[in-house]
Amino acid sequence: MLMERKYNLKEFIAFIAAGVLEDKKSVFVGTGFPIISSMLAQRTHAPDLLIIFEAGGLGPQIPELPVSVGESRTFHKAIAASSMHDVMSLAQAGYVDFGFLGAAQMDTYGNINTTVIGNYSLPKVRLPGSGGANDVGSFAQRLIITITNQTKRTFVNRLDFLTTPGYLNGPGSRERAGIPEGTGPYRVITQLGVYGFDEDTKRLKLISLHPGVSIADVKESSSFEIIIPDKVGTSPEPSDEYLRILREEIDPAGILLGK
């Protein structure tokens, strides 16, 4: 349904994810959608959003989409050209408000896999791995996760490999593992909807459906049961100005968003 509209699916997910970010907060971003959404938020409702890159860029004003978290544009007009050690230390000290990651698999507690599909010793697919994802998911105050293709193979009962901890086995699990209290997954954005986590059980809960998507679509695209509240919102749609910024300023080459 989204593909029939004035925007494509990738543009829509970038817009929705940008809306989660808040002004005067910090965000530690991974490659891809996290960068684009953070750039969009900084250009619109969150001009004082502090973007942090794993390679050491602190607070840049990124001119166009960088191809990685370590290339020169991640340092453009930054407040500091720092190091991986420094940015990881900031996270461990509790100074990172949002962590922002993509994932290949996720379970009901927001644990994610970006390492392998299949057996680790002889995998079907070898994924990029953790990089700084374990640190981001462990130490950021709130974690945002994007999964662009929600299916029963990506929303799974059991991960093939635990790369980044969510709420592990449920309430109290993070704290028992030595992870700072009060941290954890906050929002999950897929092509179907926006999700949060139930405060008591720490299980995935639907917050809003994207235009044209039904609750049946959500249920059919998950291997685990998702909490569905009585009232579920509808996700907003991007304005022409948001789309112009995405297409002309952030990703004019269509590296991630396409043409």
Protein backbone atom coordinates (compact mmCIF):
# COMPACT_ATOMS: atom_id res chain seq x y z
CA MET A 1 0.00 0.00 0.00
CA LEU A 2 2.80 2.43 0.85
CA MET A 3 4.44 1.98 -2.53
CA GLU A 4 1.35 3.41 -4.27
CA ARG A 5 1.73 6.72 -2.45
CA LYS A 6 3.88 9.79 -3.18
CA TYR A 7 6.76 8.30 -1.20
CA ASN A 8 8.46 4.95 -1.19
CA LEU A 9 8.76 2.60 1.76
CA LYS A 10 12.32 3.58 2.64
CA GLU A 11 11.43 7.28 2.70
CA PHE A 12 8.46 6.54 4.93
CA ILE A 13 10.46 4.49 7.44
CA ALA A 14 13.16 7.19 7.54
CA PHE A 15 10.47 9.79 8.28
CA ILE A 16 8.77 7.74 11.00
CA ALA A 17 12.06 6.92 12.71
CA ALA A 18 13.11 10.58 12.62
CA GLY A 19 9.96 11.48 14.53
CA VAL A 20 11.04 9.37 17.50
CA LEU A 21 14.16 11.49 18.06
CA GLU A 22 13.96 14.53 20.33
CA ASP A 23 15.57 17.95 20.27
CA LYS A 24 18.45 18.64 22.67
CA LYS A 25 19.15 14.92 23.02
CA SER A 26 22.05 12.77 21.82
CA VAL A 27 21.83 9.80 19.45
CA PHE A 28 24.47 7.16 18.72
CA VAL A 29 23.76 6.04 15.15
CA GLY A 30 24.50 2.94 13.15
CA THR A 31 24.83 2.73 9.36
CA GLY A 32 21.89 3.30 7.01
CA PHE A 33 18.47 4.35 8.28
CA PRO A 34 19.76 5.57 11.65
CA ILE A 35 21.97 8.13 9.89
CA ILE A 36 19.28 9.29 7.46
CA SER A 37 16.61 9.61 10.15
CA SER A 38 18.95 11.48 12.47
CA MET A 39 19.88 13.89 9.68
CA LEU A 40 16.19 14.44 8.90
CA ALA A 41 15.35 15.11 12.54
CA GLN A 42 18.24 17.58 12.82
CA ARG A 43 17.00 19.45 9.73
CA THR A 44 13.40 19.67 10.97
CA HIS A 45 12.04 19.36 14.51
CA ALA A 46 15.31 18.63 16.36
CA PRO A 47 17.95 21.19 15.24
CA ASP A 48 19.97 20.69 18.43
CA LEU A 49 20.06 16.89 18.17
CA LEU A 50 23.63 15.74 18.93
CA ILE A 51 24.61 12.98 16.48
CA ILE A 52 27.37 10.61 17.57
CA PHE A 53 29.32 8.30 15.27
CA GLU A 54 31.29 5.23 16.32
CA ALA A 55 34.49 6.45 14.62
CA GLY A 56 34.52 9.61 16.74
CA GLY A 57 32.43 12.28 15.03
CA LEU A 58 30.59 14.23 17.75
CA GLY A 59 27.82 16.64 16.85
CA PRO A 60 28.42 16.99 13.09
CA GLN A 61 26.23 18.92 10.66
CA ILE A 62 26.27 16.28 7.94
CA PRO A 63 26.02 17.75 4.41
CA GLU A 64 24.93 14.52 2.64
CA LEU A 65 24.52 10.86 3.52
CA PRO A 66 27.90 9.32 4.42
CA VAL A 67 28.54 5.84 3.10
CA SER A 68 29.82 4.63 6.48
CA VAL A 69 30.03 5.72 10.11
CA GLY A 70 33.71 6.56 9.67
CA GLU A 71 33.99 8.60 6.48
CA SER A 72 34.88 12.29 6.38
CA ARG A 73 31.32 13.65 6.24
CA THR A 74 30.64 12.27 9.72
CA PHE A 75 33.06 14.93 11.02
CA HIS A 76 31.68 17.89 9.01
CA LYS A 77 31.33 20.94 11.30
CA ALA A 78 31.46 18.60 14.31
CA ILE A 79 32.10 19.87 17.82
CA ALA A 80 34.83 17.23 18.11
CA ALA A 81 36.77 14.84 15.90
CA SER A 82 37.21 12.31 18.65
CA SER A 83 37.83 8.56 18.75
CA MET A 84 36.00 5.29 19.16
CA HIS A 85 37.37 5.06 22.70
CA ASP A 86 35.90 8.46 23.59
CA VAL A 87 32.43 7.85 22.17
CA MET A 88 32.17 4.41 23.76
CA SER A 89 33.24 5.96 27.06
CA LEU A 90 30.48 8.54 26.71
CA ALA A 91 27.96 5.73 26.23
CA GLN A 92 29.25 3.79 29.23
CA ALA A 93 29.05 6.94 31.36
CA GLY A 94 25.35 7.32 30.50
CA TYR A 95 25.57 10.37 28.23
CA VAL A 96 23.87 8.80 25.20
CA ASP A 97 20.10 9.36 25.18
CA PHE A 98 19.24 7.29 22.11
CA GLY A 99 20.94 4.34 20.45
CA PHE A 100 19.75 3.71 16.90
CA LEU A 101 20.36 0.37 15.16
CA GLY A 102 19.13 -1.79 12.32
CA ALA A 103 18.63 -5.55 12.76
CA ALA A 104 18.21 -8.74 10.77
CA GLN A 105 16.31 -10.61 13.51
CA MET A 106 14.52 -9.57 16.70
CA ASP A 107 12.60 -11.45 19.36
CA THR A 108 9.73 -10.38 21.60
CA TYR A 109 12.08 -8.80 24.17
CA GLY A 110 13.91 -6.65 21.63
CA ASN A 111 17.07 -8.77 21.53
CA ILE A 112 18.61 -8.42 18.07
CA ASN A 113 20.85 -10.36 15.71
CA THR A 114 23.19 -8.73 13.20
CA THR A 115 25.79 -11.52 13.12
CA VAL A 116 24.67 -14.70 11.33
CA ILE A 117 21.60 -16.49 9.99
CA GLY A 118 21.87 -20.19 10.78
CA ASN A 119 24.57 -22.00 12.73
CA TYR A 120 27.45 -19.71 13.72
CA SER A 121 30.12 -22.21 12.62
CA LEU A 122 28.51 -22.81 9.23
CA PRO A 123 25.96 -20.01 8.68
CA LYS A 124 23.52 -19.63 5.81
CA VAL A 125 24.24 -15.90 5.79
CA ARG A 126 27.13 -14.01 7.35
CA LEU A 127 25.92 -10.56 8.48
CA PRO A 128 28.00 -7.44 9.30
CA GLY A 129 28.36 -8.38 12.96
CA SER A 130 28.24 -6.25 16.06
CA GLY A 131 30.71 -3.44 15.52
CA GLY A 132 29.59 -1.10 18.27
CA ALA A 133 26.02 -2.43 18.34
CA ASN A 134 26.43 -4.36 21.58
CA ASP A 135 27.79 -1.26 23.32
CA VAL A 136 25.03 0.95 21.91
CA GLY A 137 22.26 -1.44 22.91
CA SER A 138 23.76 -1.99 26.35
CA PHE A 139 24.52 1.58 27.38
CA ALA A 140 22.19 3.98 25.54
CA GLN A 141 19.28 5.14 27.66
CA ARG A 142 16.74 4.22 24.98
CA LEU A 143 17.26 1.99 21.94
CA ILE A 144 15.48 2.48 18.59
CA ILE A 145 15.47 -0.48 16.17
CA THR A 146 14.57 -0.50 12.47
CA ILE A 147 13.64 -3.69 10.64
CA THR A 148 12.50 -2.82 7.13
CA ASN A 149 11.00 -6.22 6.35
CA GLN A 150 8.91 -7.59 9.21
CA THR A 151 8.17 -11.27 8.56
CA LYS A 152 8.13 -14.48 10.57
CA ARG A 153 11.82 -14.84 9.64
CA THR A 154 12.79 -11.46 11.12
CA PHE A 155 10.39 -11.39 14.11
CA VAL A 156 11.50 -14.71 15.58
CA ASN A 157 10.87 -16.76 18.71
CA ARG A 158 14.58 -17.47 19.10
CA LEU A 159 17.51 -15.60 17.58
CA ASP A 160 20.13 -17.51 15.60
CA PHE A 161 22.71 -15.35 17.41
CA LEU A 162 22.37 -12.74 20.15
CA THR A 163 24.38 -9.73 18.99
CA THR A 164 22.80 -6.96 21.04
CA PRO A 165 20.80 -7.37 24.26
CA GLY A 166 17.27 -6.12 24.52
CA TYR A 167 15.37 -7.11 27.64
CA LEU A 168 17.04 -10.55 27.43
CA ASN A 169 14.61 -12.96 29.14
CA GLY A 170 12.19 -10.36 30.47
CA PRO A 171 11.86 -8.04 33.47
CA GLY A 172 15.07 -7.63 35.47
CA SER A 173 17.23 -9.61 33.05
CA ARG A 174 19.31 -6.66 31.88
CA GLU A 175 20.06 -5.57 35.42
CA ARG A 176 21.04 -9.11 36.46
CA ALA A 177 23.44 -9.21 33.51
CA GLY A 178 25.13 -6.04 34.78
CA ILE A 179 23.57 -3.66 32.24
CA PRO A 180 22.61 -0.21 33.63
CA GLU A 181 19.17 -0.01 35.22
CA GLY A 182 16.46 1.81 33.28
CA THR A 183 18.01 1.29 29.84
CA GLY A 184 16.70 -0.87 27.00
CA PRO A 185 14.71 -1.02 23.76
CA TYR A 186 12.27 1.84 23.31
CA ARG A 187 10.82 1.79 19.79
CA VAL A 188 10.83 -0.63 16.86
CA ILE A 189 9.92 0.60 13.37
CA THR A 190 9.07 -1.77 10.53
CA GLN A 191 7.20 -1.49 7.22
CA LEU A 192 3.99 -2.33 9.10
CA GLY A 193 4.00 -0.22 12.24
CA VAL A 194 5.65 1.33 15.26
CA TYR A 195 6.12 -0.74 18.41
CA GLY A 196 7.08 -0.16 22.01
CA PHE A 197 7.52 -2.51 24.95
CA ASP A 198 5.08 -3.36 27.71
CA GLU A 199 6.27 -1.84 30.97
CA ASP A 200 5.49 -4.93 33.07
CA THR A 201 6.41 -7.84 30.80
CA LYS A 202 8.98 -6.08 28.53
CA ARG A 203 7.35 -7.78 25.54
CA LEU A 204 6.78 -6.08 22.19
CA LYS A 205 3.60 -4.00 21.97
CA LEU A 206 2.01 -2.34 18.94
CA ILE A 207 1.71 1.46 19.13
CA SER A 208 0.60 2.50 15.64
CA LEU A 209 -0.20 0.99 12.26
CA HIS A 210 1.12 2.53 9.08
CA PRO A 211 -1.47 3.72 6.52
CA GLY A 212 -3.06 0.79 4.71
CA VAL A 213 -1.83 -1.82 7.22
CA SER A 214 -4.16 -3.96 9.35
CA ILE A 215 -3.71 -5.69 12.70
CA ALA A 216 -4.04 -8.97 10.80
CA ASP A 217 -1.00 -8.00 8.71
CA VAL A 218 0.99 -7.43 11.90
CA LYS A 219 -0.04 -10.75 13.46
CA GLU A 220 0.67 -12.70 10.26
CA SER A 221 4.18 -11.24 10.03
CA SER A 222 5.54 -12.38 13.39
CA SER A 223 6.57 -15.74 14.84
CA PHE A 224 5.74 -14.52 18.36
CA GLU A 225 2.60 -13.00 19.82
CA ILE A 226 2.62 -9.21 19.80
CA ILE A 227 0.67 -7.32 22.46
CA ILE A 228 -2.18 -5.48 20.72
CA PRO A 229 -3.83 -2.81 22.89
CA ASP A 230 -7.49 -1.86 22.51
CA LYS A 231 -6.57 1.46 20.91
CA VAL A 232 -3.91 1.56 18.21
CA GLY A 233 -2.95 4.79 16.46
CA THR A 234 -2.21 5.48 12.80
CA SER A 235 1.27 6.59 11.82
CA PRO A 236 1.54 10.07 10.22
CA GLU A 237 2.62 10.58 6.62
CA PRO A 238 5.51 12.79 5.47
CA SER A 239 4.81 16.22 4.02
CA ASP A 240 6.23 17.41 0.69
CA GLU A 241 8.88 19.38 2.59
CA TYR A 242 10.10 16.32 4.48
CA LEU A 243 10.32 14.41 1.20
CA ARG A 244 12.20 17.28 -0.45
CA ILE A 245 14.77 17.28 2.35
CA LEU A 246 15.24 13.52 2.10
CA ARG A 247 15.58 13.52 -1.70
CA GLU A 248 17.43 16.77 -2.38
CA GLU A 249 19.53 17.35 0.73
CA ILE A 250 20.15 14.08 2.55
CA ASP A 251 20.33 11.36 -0.12
CA PRO A 252 20.33 13.09 -3.55
CA ALA A 253 22.24 10.16 -5.09
CA GLY A 254 19.60 7.69 -3.89
CA ILE A 255 22.21 5.54 -2.15
CA LEU A 256 19.75 4.20 0.41
CA LEU A 257 16.38 5.72 -0.42
CA GLY A 258 16.50 4.99 -4.16
CA LYS A 259 15.32 7.14 -7.02
